[in-house]
Amino acid sequence: GMGAAIARIFVEQGHQLILSDLNAAA
């Protein structure tokens, strides 16, 4: 929940992202 919200705010700012999680499908 928190990680996804953080990802959304940075993608809105146009940053390139490296997203990591244990759950590959999610």
PDB file of all heavy atoms in Angstrom:
ATOM      1  N   GLY A   1       0.798  -1.223   0.000  1.00  0.00           N
ATOM      2  CA  GLY A   1       0.000   0.000   0.000  1.00  0.00           C
ATOM      3  C   GLY A   1       0.826   1.267   0.000  1.00  0.00           C
ATOM      4  O   GLY A   1       0.603   2.181  -0.813  1.00  0.00           O
ATOM      5  N   MET A   2       1.801   1.349   0.893  1.00  0.00           N
ATOM      6  CA  MET A   2       2.633   2.544   0.946  1.00  0.00           C
ATOM      7  C   MET A   2       3.577   2.616  -0.247  1.00  0.00           C
ATOM      8  O   MET A   2       3.777   3.682  -0.836  1.00  0.00           O
ATOM      9  CB  MET A   2       3.414   2.583   2.265  1.00  0.00           C
ATOM     10  CG  MET A   2       2.575   3.012   3.451  1.00  0.00           C
ATOM     11  SD  MET A   2       3.525   3.292   4.967  1.00  0.00           S
ATOM     12  CE  MET A   2       3.825   1.594   5.486  1.00  0.00           C
ATOM     13  N   GLY A   3       4.179   1.478  -0.611  1.00  0.00           N
ATOM     14  CA  GLY A   3       5.100   1.468  -1.731  1.00  0.00           C
ATOM     15  C   GLY A   3       4.450   1.912  -3.030  1.00  0.00           C
ATOM     16  O   GLY A   3       5.026   2.687  -3.799  1.00  0.00           O
ATOM     17  N   ALA A   4       3.231   1.422  -3.283  1.00  0.00           N
ATOM     18  CA  ALA A   4       2.521   1.804  -4.514  1.00  0.00           C
ATOM     19  C   ALA A   4       2.190   3.292  -4.518  1.00  0.00           C
ATOM     20  O   ALA A   4       2.286   3.957  -5.554  1.00  0.00           O
ATOM     21  CB  ALA A   4       1.251   0.975  -4.653  1.00  0.00           C
ATOM     22  N   ALA A   5       1.806   3.824  -3.360  1.00  0.00           N
ATOM     23  CA  ALA A   5       1.502   5.256  -3.279  1.00  0.00           C
ATOM     24  C   ALA A   5       2.760   6.089  -3.530  1.00  0.00           C
ATOM     25  O   ALA A   5       2.704   7.135  -4.189  1.00  0.00           O
ATOM     26  CB  ALA A   5       0.907   5.587  -1.909  1.00  0.00           C
ATOM     27  N   ILE A   6       3.887   5.622  -3.018  1.00  0.00           N
ATOM     28  CA  ILE A   6       5.151   6.317  -3.262  1.00  0.00           C
ATOM     29  C   ILE A   6       5.502   6.268  -4.746  1.00  0.00           C
ATOM     30  O   ILE A   6       5.929   7.262  -5.340  1.00  0.00           O
ATOM     31  CB  ILE A   6       6.271   5.689  -2.403  1.00  0.00           C
ATOM     32  CG1 ILE A   6       6.002   5.928  -0.913  1.00  0.00           C
ATOM     33  CG2 ILE A   6       7.636   6.258  -2.797  1.00  0.00           C
ATOM     34  CD1 ILE A   6       6.857   5.077   0.010  1.00  0.00           C
ATOM     35  N   ALA A   7       5.307   5.100  -5.360  1.00  0.00           N
ATOM     36  CA  ALA A   7       5.592   4.968  -6.795  1.00  0.00           C
ATOM     37  C   ALA A   7       4.750   5.938  -7.616  1.00  0.00           C
ATOM     38  O   ALA A   7       5.253   6.585  -8.545  1.00  0.00           O
ATOM     39  CB  ALA A   7       5.330   3.526  -7.245  1.00  0.00           C
ATOM     40  N   ARG A   8       3.483   6.073  -7.267  1.00  0.00           N
ATOM     41  CA  ARG A   8       2.600   6.956  -8.038  1.00  0.00           C
ATOM     42  C   ARG A   8       3.043   8.408  -7.955  1.00  0.00           C
ATOM     43  O   ARG A   8       3.018   9.137  -8.951  1.00  0.00           O
ATOM     44  CB  ARG A   8       1.153   6.810  -7.548  1.00  0.00           C
ATOM     45  CG  ARG A   8       0.545   5.460  -7.897  1.00  0.00           C
ATOM     46  CD  ARG A   8      -0.938   5.384  -7.558  1.00  0.00           C
ATOM     47  NE  ARG A   8      -1.436   4.025  -7.763  1.00  0.00           N
ATOM     48  CZ  ARG A   8      -1.573   3.120  -6.808  1.00  0.00           C
ATOM     49  NH1 ARG A   8      -1.284   3.443  -5.541  1.00  0.00           N
ATOM     50  NH2 ARG A   8      -2.005   1.907  -7.078  1.00  0.00           N
ATOM     51  N   ILE A   9       3.470   8.831  -6.791  1.00  0.00           N
ATOM     52  CA  ILE A   9       3.834  10.237  -6.652  1.00  0.00           C
ATOM     53  C   ILE A   9       5.115  10.549  -7.419  1.00  0.00           C
ATOM     54  O   ILE A   9       5.251  11.628  -8.014  1.00  0.00           O
ATOM     55  CB  ILE A   9       3.937  10.634  -5.156  1.00  0.00           C
ATOM     56  CG1 ILE A   9       3.654  12.120  -4.977  1.00  0.00           C
ATOM     57  CG2 ILE A   9       5.264  10.273  -4.545  1.00  0.00           C
ATOM     58  CD1 ILE A   9       3.381  12.524  -3.530  1.00  0.00           C
ATOM     59  N   PHE A  10       6.049   9.593  -7.490  1.00  0.00           N
ATOM     60  CA  PHE A  10       7.286   9.846  -8.222  1.00  0.00           C
ATOM     61  C   PHE A  10       7.101   9.702  -9.726  1.00  0.00           C
ATOM     62  O   PHE A  10       7.739  10.421 -10.495  1.00  0.00           O
ATOM     63  CB  PHE A  10       8.407   8.936  -7.717  1.00  0.00           C
ATOM     64  CG  PHE A  10       9.044   9.424  -6.450  1.00  0.00           C
ATOM     65  CD1 PHE A  10       8.892   8.715  -5.264  1.00  0.00           C
ATOM     66  CD2 PHE A  10       9.782  10.591  -6.427  1.00  0.00           C
ATOM     67  CE1 PHE A  10       9.469   9.173  -4.083  1.00  0.00           C
ATOM     68  CE2 PHE A  10      10.367  11.055  -5.252  1.00  0.00           C
ATOM     69  CZ  PHE A  10      10.204  10.345  -4.075  1.00  0.00           C
ATOM     70  N   VAL A  11       6.231   8.794 -10.165  1.00  0.00           N
ATOM     71  CA  VAL A  11       5.998   8.690 -11.603  1.00  0.00           C
ATOM     72  C   VAL A  11       5.275   9.929 -12.111  1.00  0.00           C
ATOM     73  O   VAL A  11       5.517  10.385 -13.243  1.00  0.00           O
ATOM     74  CB  VAL A  11       5.232   7.390 -11.949  1.00  0.00           C
ATOM     75  CG1 VAL A  11       3.730   7.521 -11.774  1.00  0.00           C
ATOM     76  CG2 VAL A  11       5.550   6.938 -13.377  1.00  0.00           C
ATOM     77  N   GLU A  12       4.429  10.515 -11.289  1.00  0.00           N
ATOM     78  CA  GLU A  12       3.767  11.768 -11.668  1.00  0.00           C
ATOM     79  C   GLU A  12       4.767  12.909 -11.848  1.00  0.00           C
ATOM     80  O   GLU A  12       4.527  13.841 -12.618  1.00  0.00           O
ATOM     81  CB  GLU A  12       2.726  12.152 -10.614  1.00  0.00           C
ATOM     82  CG  GLU A  12       1.486  11.275 -10.617  1.00  0.00           C
ATOM     83  CD  GLU A  12       0.589  11.513  -9.417  1.00  0.00           C
ATOM     84  OE1 GLU A  12       0.920  12.399  -8.585  1.00  0.00           O
ATOM     85  OE2 GLU A  12      -0.431  10.812  -9.295  1.00  0.00           O
ATOM     86  N   GLN A  13       5.895  12.812 -11.142  1.00  0.00           N
ATOM     87  CA  GLN A  13       6.938  13.824 -11.263  1.00  0.00           C
ATOM     88  C   GLN A  13       7.890  13.536 -12.419  1.00  0.00           C
ATOM     89  O   GLN A  13       8.816  14.315 -12.672  1.00  0.00           O
ATOM     90  CB  GLN A  13       7.729  13.928  -9.954  1.00  0.00           C
ATOM     91  CG  GLN A  13       6.904  14.424  -8.770  1.00  0.00           C
ATOM     92  CD  GLN A  13       7.684  14.415  -7.463  1.00  0.00           C
ATOM     93  OE1 GLN A  13       8.859  14.046  -7.420  1.00  0.00           O
ATOM     94  NE2 GLN A  13       7.044  14.823  -6.389  1.00  0.00           N
ATOM     95  N   GLY A  14       7.678  12.423 -13.120  1.00  0.00           N
ATOM     96  CA  GLY A  14       8.476  12.098 -14.291  1.00  0.00           C
ATOM     97  C   GLY A  14       9.785  11.382 -14.020  1.00  0.00           C
ATOM     98  O   GLY A  14      10.645  11.303 -14.895  1.00  0.00           O
ATOM     99  N   HIS A  15       9.945  10.835 -12.827  1.00  0.00           N
ATOM    100  CA  HIS A  15      11.186  10.132 -12.496  1.00  0.00           C
ATOM    101  C   HIS A  15      11.213   8.733 -13.100  1.00  0.00           C
ATOM    102  O   HIS A  15      10.177   8.080 -13.237  1.00  0.00           O
ATOM    103  CB  HIS A  15      11.329   9.996 -10.980  1.00  0.00           C
ATOM    104  CG  HIS A  15      11.538  11.282 -10.276  1.00  0.00           C
ATOM    105  ND1 HIS A  15      12.770  11.891 -10.168  1.00  0.00           N
ATOM    106  CD2 HIS A  15      10.665  12.105  -9.624  1.00  0.00           C
ATOM    107  CE1 HIS A  15      12.652  13.017  -9.482  1.00  0.00           C
ATOM    108  NE2 HIS A  15      11.389  13.168  -9.145  1.00  0.00           N
ATOM    109  N   GLN A  16      12.398   8.277 -13.437  1.00  0.00           N
ATOM    110  CA  GLN A  16      12.538   6.875 -13.822  1.00  0.00           C
ATOM    111  C   GLN A  16      12.583   6.037 -12.557  1.00  0.00           C
ATOM    112  O   GLN A  16      13.225   6.404 -11.571  1.00  0.00           O
ATOM    113  CB  GLN A  16      13.790   6.653 -14.670  1.00  0.00           C
ATOM    114  CG  GLN A  16      15.110   7.064 -14.038  1.00  0.00           C
ATOM    115  CD  GLN A  16      16.278   6.654 -14.922  1.00  0.00           C
ATOM    116  OE1 GLN A  16      16.407   5.493 -15.351  1.00  0.00           O
ATOM    117  NE2 GLN A  16      17.157   7.602 -15.211  1.00  0.00           N
ATOM    118  N   LEU A  17      11.880   4.910 -12.576  1.00  0.00           N
ATOM    119  CA  LEU A  17      11.692   4.113 -11.381  1.00  0.00           C
ATOM    120  C   LEU A  17      12.288   2.726 -11.515  1.00  0.00           C
ATOM    121  O   LEU A  17      12.237   2.114 -12.581  1.00  0.00           O
ATOM    122  CB  LEU A  17      10.199   3.958 -11.069  1.00  0.00           C
ATOM    123  CG  LEU A  17       9.343   5.205 -10.939  1.00  0.00           C
ATOM    124  CD1 LEU A  17       7.912   4.810 -10.553  1.00  0.00           C
ATOM    125  CD2 LEU A  17       9.916   6.160  -9.914  1.00  0.00           C
ATOM    126  N   ILE A  18      12.813   2.232 -10.402  1.00  0.00           N
ATOM    127  CA  ILE A  18      13.128   0.816 -10.241  1.00  0.00           C
ATOM    128  C   ILE A  18      12.243   0.330  -9.105  1.00  0.00           C
ATOM    129  O   ILE A  18      12.405   0.753  -7.953  1.00  0.00           O
ATOM    130  CB  ILE A  18      14.613   0.576  -9.924  1.00  0.00           C
ATOM    131  CG1 ILE A  18      15.474   1.026 -11.103  1.00  0.00           C
ATOM    132  CG2 ILE A  18      14.859  -0.896  -9.604  1.00  0.00           C
ATOM    133  CD1 ILE A  18      16.963   0.932 -10.854  1.00  0.00           C
ATOM    134  N   LEU A  19      11.276  -0.497  -9.446  1.00  0.00           N
ATOM    135  CA  LEU A  19      10.297  -0.986  -8.479  1.00  0.00           C
ATOM    136  C   LEU A  19      10.637  -2.418  -8.100  1.00  0.00           C
ATOM    137  O   LEU A  19      10.881  -3.254  -8.961  1.00  0.00           O
ATOM    138  CB  LEU A  19       8.889  -0.949  -9.077  1.00  0.00           C
ATOM    139  CG  LEU A  19       8.405   0.391  -9.624  1.00  0.00           C
ATOM    140  CD1 LEU A  19       7.005   0.241 -10.203  1.00  0.00           C
ATOM    141  CD2 LEU A  19       8.438   1.465  -8.553  1.00  0.00           C
ATOM    142  N   SER A  20      10.617  -2.689  -6.805  1.00  0.00           N
ATOM    143  CA  SER A  20      10.955  -4.034  -6.346  1.00  0.00           C
ATOM    144  C   SER A  20       9.948  -4.513  -5.317  1.00  0.00           C
ATOM    145  O   SER A  20       9.456  -3.733  -4.494  1.00  0.00           O
ATOM    146  CB  SER A  20      12.361  -4.038  -5.737  1.00  0.00           C
ATOM    147  OG  SER A  20      12.689  -5.329  -5.272  1.00  0.00           O
ATOM    148  N   ASP A  21       9.650  -5.803  -5.366  1.00  0.00           N
ATOM    149  CA  ASP A  21       8.740  -6.413  -4.410  1.00  0.00           C
ATOM    150  C   ASP A  21       8.900  -7.921  -4.497  1.00  0.00           C
ATOM    151  O   ASP A  21       9.345  -8.453  -5.519  1.00  0.00           O
ATOM    152  CB  ASP A  21       7.285  -6.024  -4.713  1.00  0.00           C
ATOM    153  CG  ASP A  21       6.368  -6.254  -3.521  1.00  0.00           C
ATOM    154  OD1 ASP A  21       5.857  -7.379  -3.376  1.00  0.00           O
ATOM    155  OD2 ASP A  21       6.185  -5.313  -2.726  1.00  0.00           O
ATOM    156  N   LEU A  22       8.512  -8.604  -3.435  1.00  0.00           N
ATOM    157  CA  LEU A  22       8.537 -10.070  -3.433  1.00  0.00           C
ATOM    158  C   LEU A  22       7.487 -10.642  -4.376  1.00  0.00           C
ATOM    159  O   LEU A  22       7.695 -11.677  -5.015  1.00  0.00           O
ATOM    160  CB  LEU A  22       8.298 -10.580  -2.014  1.00  0.00           C
ATOM    161  CG  LEU A  22       8.322 -12.094  -1.802  1.00  0.00           C
ATOM    162  CD1 LEU A  22       9.681 -12.686  -2.143  1.00  0.00           C
ATOM    163  CD2 LEU A  22       7.959 -12.433  -0.355  1.00  0.00           C
ATOM    164  N   ASN A  23       6.347  -9.962  -4.486  1.00  0.00           N
ATOM    165  CA  ASN A  23       5.213 -10.437  -5.275  1.00  0.00           C
ATOM    166  C   ASN A  23       5.362  -9.974  -6.727  1.00  0.00           C
ATOM    167  O   ASN A  23       5.048  -8.835  -7.071  1.00  0.00           O
ATOM    168  CB  ASN A  23       3.915  -9.897  -4.672  1.00  0.00           C
ATOM    169  CG  ASN A  23       2.675 -10.505  -5.306  1.00  0.00           C
ATOM    170  OD1 ASN A  23       2.664 -10.840  -6.490  1.00  0.00           O
ATOM    171  ND2 ASN A  23       1.619 -10.640  -4.515  1.00  0.00           N
ATOM    172  N   ALA A  24       5.862 -10.863  -7.577  1.00  0.00           N
ATOM    173  CA  ALA A  24       6.151 -10.500  -8.965  1.00  0.00           C
ATOM    174  C   ALA A  24       4.895 -10.099  -9.730  1.00  0.00           C
ATOM    175  O   ALA A  24       4.905  -9.126 -10.499  1.00  0.00           O
ATOM    176  CB  ALA A  24       6.846 -11.658  -9.674  1.00  0.00           C
ATOM    177  N   ALA A  25       3.796 -10.828  -9.544  1.00  0.00           N
ATOM    178  CA  ALA A  25       2.568 -10.519 -10.280  1.00  0.00           C
ATOM    179  C   ALA A  25       2.023  -9.152  -9.875  1.00  0.00           C
ATOM    180  O   ALA A  25       1.618  -8.350 -10.736  1.00  0.00           O
ATOM    181  CB  ALA A  25       1.525 -11.600 -10.029  1.00  0.00           C
ATOM    182  N   ALA A  26       2.001  -8.874  -8.580  1.00  0.00           N
ATOM    183  CA  ALA A  26       1.512  -7.579  -8.107  1.00  0.00           C
ATOM    184  C   ALA A  26       2.408  -6.452  -8.597  1.00  0.00           C
ATOM    185  O   ALA A  26       1.935  -5.340  -8.899  1.00  0.00           O
ATOM    186  CB  ALA A  26       1.435  -7.568  -6.582  1.00  0.00           C
TER     187      ALA A  26
END
